Amino acid sequence: TAGAELTISSIKANKTSANVGETITWTAAASGGTGTLQYYFIVYKDGTKIKTRAYSATNTFSYTPAEAGTYKAKVYVKDTAEEKKNKTSTSIVVADQLVITSVVASKTSANVGDTIIWGAMATGGTGTLQYYFIIYKDGNKVETRAYSTSNVFSYTTSEAGTYKAKVYVKDSIGNKVSKSGGSVPTYVPSYYFPLHLYSYDGKVYLGKLVTDKYDRDSIWNEYGSYGSKYSDTSIWNTYGDYGSAYSNESAFYKYASKPPMIVDRYGNVLGHLTTNTSFYDGVTIAQLQQFLKEYNQ
């Protein structure tokens, strides 16, 4: 006995857009007809037939695109009386997989004060790509740039260390990838040396920052005015203002708010010698000594 007229109400995909390698599943909704309904699928790419699925009682079909293009599916539905109807889905744009191919810097090394430009290259994705930058110094985040269509970002260094960028790229449908690169070791220029140590207010000279223990003004010359443990102008005098474990001006008081400052030969303040870890530009004596050795000072 014949049933109601065979009707295909819809054929819909589980995605409105996709990337290469993502599986698309079409589902056909049909009713009426006589007996068991069967479904035959054809998948088209850019108008050309590329895949078929023989008649089956299953009303879904999945396909994984291997190339970018515009895809759609057509379904034929037949009943046991051989009545047939067909319907075509709306198109789905499939883009190449979103990939960041490179993150590079404008310099292979730099001096403090130099501006470094990082650029990212990305391909694939859907719609307009946007780029989010994070700049790290020695593994610590120092700067970010919000998502923008610009794939370059500039940063001016203020301290020695190794800088690198991490870039996140997203497309218009929310696909997101990330990649790090562009490592740039950054140094204090030689013309800044030698470095010197002054009291926090800059009024008291506390010695030259050189590791040569025979240099008259070195803080490591134990017989000099700035290296002797008995001198009022030495950070090694544990009873003095600059070496005491309790003086607010000391390099070794962990709560000091006015520790000695490190300056270059031109008087620019580069940091502070302190064990107070809350000081944003604080340097310990061990870090300072290692730094000076690296620069042969």
Protein backbone atom coordinates (compact mmCIF):
# COMPACT_ATOMS: atom_id res chain seq x y z
CA THR A 1 0.00 0.00 0.00
CA ALA A 2 1.43 3.39 -0.96
CA GLY A 3 2.21 5.76 1.91
CA ALA A 4 2.45 9.53 1.96
CA GLU A 5 4.38 11.26 -0.76
CA LEU A 6 8.16 10.85 -0.43
CA THR A 7 9.68 14.14 0.71
CA ILE A 8 13.24 15.26 1.54
CA SER A 9 12.92 18.08 4.03
CA SER A 10 16.61 18.86 4.38
CA ILE A 11 20.23 17.84 3.87
CA LYS A 12 22.52 19.55 6.38
CA ALA A 13 26.21 19.42 7.26
CA ASN A 14 27.60 19.46 10.78
CA LYS A 15 29.78 22.45 9.86
CA THR A 16 29.28 25.75 8.09
CA SER A 17 33.00 25.94 7.22
CA ALA A 18 35.98 23.67 7.73
CA ASN A 19 39.70 23.22 7.30
CA VAL A 20 41.44 20.60 5.23
CA GLY A 21 41.60 17.38 7.23
CA GLU A 22 38.40 18.02 9.18
CA THR A 23 35.56 15.55 8.60
CA ILE A 24 32.23 16.86 7.31
CA THR A 25 29.09 14.83 7.94
CA TRP A 26 25.89 15.41 5.97
CA THR A 27 22.54 14.24 7.30
CA ALA A 28 19.43 13.92 5.16
CA ALA A 29 15.92 14.13 6.62
CA ALA A 30 13.22 12.40 4.55
CA SER A 31 9.69 11.15 5.21
CA GLY A 32 6.80 9.43 3.44
CA GLY A 33 7.20 6.95 0.65
CA THR A 34 6.66 3.23 0.74
CA GLY A 35 8.65 0.85 2.92
CA THR A 36 12.24 1.42 3.92
CA LEU A 37 13.92 4.53 2.57
CA GLN A 38 17.42 4.35 1.12
CA TYR A 39 19.93 7.15 0.63
CA TYR A 40 22.53 7.72 -2.09
CA PHE A 41 25.11 10.51 -1.59
CA ILE A 42 27.29 12.45 -4.01
CA VAL A 43 29.96 14.88 -2.80
CA TYR A 44 31.07 17.72 -5.06
CA LYS A 45 34.17 19.92 -4.88
CA ASP A 46 34.01 23.13 -6.87
CA GLY A 47 31.15 21.63 -8.88
CA THR A 48 32.96 18.38 -9.76
CA LYS A 49 31.81 15.01 -8.45
CA ILE A 50 34.55 13.51 -6.25
CA LYS A 51 32.83 10.89 -4.08
CA THR A 52 29.70 8.75 -4.00
CA ARG A 53 28.10 6.48 -1.43
CA ALA A 54 25.85 3.66 -2.71
CA TYR A 55 22.23 3.39 -1.62
CA SER A 56 21.94 2.48 2.04
CA ALA A 57 19.39 2.80 4.83
CA THR A 58 21.86 5.14 6.60
CA ASN A 59 20.85 8.75 6.15
CA THR A 60 24.28 10.21 6.94
CA PHE A 61 27.54 10.37 5.05
CA SER A 62 30.97 11.63 6.15
CA TYR A 63 33.82 12.89 4.04
CA THR A 64 37.24 14.33 4.95
CA PRO A 65 38.47 16.90 2.41
CA ALA A 66 42.12 16.65 1.44
CA GLU A 67 42.12 19.91 -0.50
CA ALA A 68 40.76 23.41 -0.09
CA GLY A 69 37.67 24.27 -2.09
CA THR A 70 33.89 24.63 -1.98
CA TYR A 71 32.09 21.42 -1.08
CA LYS A 72 28.46 20.35 -1.12
CA ALA A 73 26.51 17.10 -1.09
CA LYS A 74 23.54 15.87 -3.08
CA VAL A 75 21.32 13.11 -1.73
CA TYR A 76 18.95 10.82 -3.63
CA VAL A 77 16.28 9.07 -1.58
CA LYS A 78 14.21 6.16 -2.89
CA ASP A 79 11.57 3.92 -1.38
CA THR A 80 10.75 0.28 -2.09
CA ALA A 81 8.39 1.37 -4.85
CA GLU A 82 11.36 3.04 -6.58
CA GLU A 83 10.00 6.52 -6.09
CA LYS A 84 12.99 8.90 -5.99
CA LYS A 85 13.61 12.42 -4.82
CA ASN A 86 16.82 14.44 -4.51
CA LYS A 87 18.07 17.53 -2.71
CA THR A 88 21.37 19.44 -2.59
CA SER A 89 22.99 20.93 0.49
CA THR A 90 24.29 24.44 0.88
CA SER A 91 27.98 24.93 0.10
CA ILE A 92 30.79 24.66 2.65
CA VAL A 93 34.07 26.49 2.12
CA VAL A 94 37.03 24.32 3.13
CA ALA A 95 40.28 26.18 3.77
CA ASP A 96 43.82 24.90 4.06
CA GLN A 97 44.83 24.00 7.61
CA LEU A 98 45.86 27.09 9.59
CA VAL A 99 49.64 26.88 10.02
CA ILE A 100 52.29 29.32 11.25
CA THR A 101 55.23 28.70 8.96
CA SER A 102 57.73 30.96 10.70
CA VAL A 103 58.39 33.44 13.49
CA VAL A 104 61.54 35.46 12.82
CA ALA A 105 63.31 38.50 14.28
CA SER A 106 64.92 41.40 12.46
CA LYS A 107 68.20 40.82 14.32
CA THR A 108 70.26 37.79 15.32
CA SER A 109 71.71 39.73 18.27
CA ALA A 110 71.18 43.19 19.71
CA ASN A 111 72.38 45.78 22.18
CA VAL A 112 70.31 47.15 25.04
CA GLY A 113 68.19 49.97 23.63
CA ASP A 114 67.86 48.40 20.19
CA THR A 115 64.43 47.85 18.67
CA ILE A 116 63.72 44.30 17.54
CA ILE A 117 60.95 43.56 15.05
CA TRP A 118 59.35 40.12 15.03
CA GLY A 119 57.28 38.90 12.10
CA ALA A 120 55.08 35.85 11.69
CA MET A 121 54.06 34.09 8.48
CA ALA A 122 50.87 32.01 8.48
CA THR A 123 48.90 30.20 5.80
CA GLY A 124 45.49 28.57 5.55
CA GLY A 125 42.56 29.19 7.82
CA THR A 126 39.27 30.83 7.00
CA GLY A 127 38.74 34.53 6.46
CA THR A 128 41.01 37.21 7.92
CA LEU A 129 43.91 36.08 10.10
CA GLN A 130 44.78 37.93 13.32
CA TYR A 131 48.04 37.84 15.28
CA TYR A 132 48.70 38.07 19.02
CA PHE A 133 52.30 38.57 20.21
CA ILE A 134 53.98 37.78 23.53
CA ILE A 135 57.59 38.88 24.08
CA TYR A 136 59.71 36.98 26.59
CA LYS A 137 63.03 37.90 28.19
CA ASP A 138 64.93 34.96 29.64
CA GLY A 139 61.66 33.01 29.73
CA ASN A 140 59.65 35.74 31.49
CA LYS A 141 56.83 37.62 29.78
CA VAL A 142 57.69 41.31 29.34
CA GLU A 143 55.22 42.55 26.70
CA THR A 144 52.07 41.57 24.80
CA ARG A 145 50.31 42.89 21.71
CA ALA A 146 46.55 42.29 21.37
CA TYR A 147 45.12 40.47 18.34
CA SER A 148 45.53 42.52 15.18
CA THR A 149 45.70 41.90 11.45
CA SER A 150 49.33 43.12 11.55
CA ASN A 151 51.76 40.20 11.51
CA VAL A 152 54.71 42.23 12.85
CA PHE A 153 55.50 43.66 16.29
CA SER A 154 58.33 45.89 17.51
CA TYR A 155 59.86 45.97 20.97
CA THR A 156 62.67 48.15 22.32
CA THR A 157 64.92 46.31 24.77
CA SER A 158 65.83 47.93 28.07
CA GLU A 159 67.86 45.15 29.69
CA ALA A 160 70.38 42.54 28.69
CA GLY A 161 69.06 39.03 28.19
CA THR A 162 67.67 36.72 25.53
CA TYR A 163 64.42 37.86 23.93
CA LYS A 164 62.02 35.78 21.86
CA ALA A 165 58.44 35.97 20.64
CA LYS A 166 55.47 33.65 20.82
CA VAL A 167 52.72 34.29 18.29
CA TYR A 168 49.12 33.12 18.34
CA VAL A 169 47.21 33.24 15.05
CA LYS A 170 43.46 32.82 14.76
CA ASP A 171 41.11 32.86 11.79
CA SER A 172 37.58 34.20 11.47
CA ILE A 173 35.92 30.97 12.67
CA GLY A 174 38.02 30.61 15.81
CA ASN A 175 40.75 28.20 14.72
CA LYS A 176 43.92 29.05 16.65
CA VAL A 177 47.57 27.97 16.45
CA SER A 178 50.78 29.20 18.09
CA LYS A 179 54.51 29.16 17.46
CA SER A 180 57.62 30.56 19.16
CA GLY A 181 60.75 31.86 17.49
CA GLY A 182 63.11 34.72 16.81
CA SER A 183 65.51 34.29 19.74
CA VAL A 184 67.72 37.38 20.09
CA PRO A 185 70.53 37.56 22.67
CA THR A 186 70.85 41.18 23.80
CA TYR A 187 73.94 42.69 25.36
CA VAL A 188 75.05 45.82 27.14
CA PRO A 189 77.18 47.76 24.62
CA SER A 190 80.89 47.89 25.48
CA TYR A 191 80.84 51.69 25.53
CA TYR A 192 78.69 51.55 28.70
CA PHE A 193 81.60 50.09 30.66
CA PRO A 194 83.03 50.34 33.20
CA LEU A 195 80.03 50.27 35.51
CA HIS A 196 80.01 51.97 38.88
CA LEU A 197 78.15 51.70 42.17
CA TYR A 198 76.57 54.66 43.98
CA SER A 199 74.36 55.14 46.99
CA TYR A 200 70.64 55.21 46.19
CA ASP A 201 70.60 59.03 46.19
CA GLY A 202 73.69 59.17 43.98
CA LYS A 203 75.69 61.20 46.49
CA VAL A 204 78.15 58.55 47.70
CA TYR A 205 80.49 56.72 45.35
CA LEU A 206 80.80 53.04 46.29
CA GLY A 207 83.31 51.78 43.76
CA LYS A 208 83.98 50.47 40.30
CA LEU A 209 82.25 47.26 39.18
CA VAL A 210 85.19 45.32 37.80
CA THR A 211 86.28 41.87 38.91
CA ASP A 212 89.97 42.82 38.89
CA LYS A 213 90.85 42.65 42.59
CA TYR A 214 93.97 44.75 41.97
CA ASP A 215 92.08 47.70 40.52
CA ARG A 216 92.30 50.48 43.10
CA ASP A 217 88.60 51.33 42.89
CA SER A 218 87.20 47.80 42.44
CA ILE A 219 84.64 46.64 44.98
CA TRP A 220 86.56 43.35 44.99
CA ASN A 221 89.87 44.95 46.06
CA GLU A 222 89.86 44.05 49.74
CA TYR A 223 92.57 46.61 50.47
CA GLY A 224 90.86 49.48 48.66
CA SER A 225 88.37 52.08 49.85
CA TYR A 226 85.49 50.27 48.16
CA GLY A 227 86.39 46.64 48.85
CA SER A 228 87.66 46.73 52.41
CA LYS A 229 85.38 45.31 55.07
CA TYR A 230 86.39 48.23 57.30
CA SER A 231 85.61 51.09 54.89
CA ASP A 232 82.47 53.22 55.30
CA THR A 233 82.15 53.29 51.50
CA SER A 234 82.30 49.52 51.05
CA ILE A 235 79.36 47.17 50.63
CA TRP A 236 81.44 44.52 52.45
CA ASN A 237 81.39 46.44 55.74
CA THR A 238 78.70 44.55 57.65
CA TYR A 239 78.47 47.42 60.15
CA GLY A 240 78.20 50.13 57.52
CA ASP A 241 75.19 51.67 55.81
CA TYR A 242 75.79 49.82 52.54
CA GLY A 243 76.68 46.33 53.78
CA SER A 244 74.63 45.83 56.91
CA ALA A 245 71.97 43.13 56.99
CA TYR A 246 69.58 45.71 58.47
CA SER A 247 70.32 49.04 56.78
CA ASN A 248 67.70 50.40 54.40
CA GLU A 249 70.53 51.48 52.08
CA SER A 250 72.35 48.17 52.13
CA ALA A 251 72.92 45.80 49.22
CA PHE A 252 72.30 42.90 51.59
CA TYR A 253 69.16 43.88 53.54
CA LYS A 254 66.31 41.84 52.06
CA TYR A 255 63.76 44.59 52.74
CA ALA A 256 65.91 47.54 51.68
CA SER A 257 63.99 50.26 49.85
CA LYS A 258 67.07 52.35 48.96
CA PRO A 259 69.81 49.91 47.88
CA PRO A 260 72.91 51.02 45.93
CA MET A 261 72.39 51.78 42.26
CA ILE A 262 74.38 50.47 39.31
CA VAL A 263 75.23 53.10 36.70
CA ASP A 264 77.11 53.08 33.43
CA ARG A 265 80.03 55.33 32.55
CA TYR A 266 77.58 58.05 31.46
CA GLY A 267 75.58 57.99 34.69
CA ASN A 268 72.58 56.08 33.37
CA VAL A 269 70.97 53.91 36.05
CA LEU A 270 70.97 50.27 34.93
CA GLY A 271 69.65 48.62 38.08
CA HIS A 272 70.08 48.21 41.83
CA LEU A 273 72.35 45.91 43.82
CA THR A 274 70.07 44.23 46.33
CA THR A 275 68.77 41.01 47.85
CA ASN A 276 65.28 42.52 47.93
CA THR A 277 63.45 40.36 45.39
CA SER A 278 60.61 42.87 45.05
CA PHE A 279 62.91 45.37 43.33
CA TYR A 280 61.93 45.24 39.64
CA ASP A 281 65.49 45.95 38.45
CA GLY A 282 67.26 44.32 41.37
CA VAL A 283 70.50 42.36 40.85
CA THR A 284 72.21 40.19 43.45
CA ILE A 285 75.95 40.26 43.99
CA ALA A 286 76.25 36.77 42.42
CA GLN A 287 74.29 37.86 39.34
CA LEU A 288 76.39 40.99 39.05
CA GLN A 289 79.64 39.05 39.26
CA GLN A 290 78.49 36.58 36.62
CA PHE A 291 77.41 39.43 34.35
CA LEU A 292 80.76 41.18 34.69
CA LYS A 293 82.66 37.96 33.91
CA GLU A 294 80.60 37.44 30.77
CA TYR A 295 81.63 40.92 29.60
CA ASN A 296 85.27 40.47 30.69
CA GLN A 297 85.01 43.29 33.20
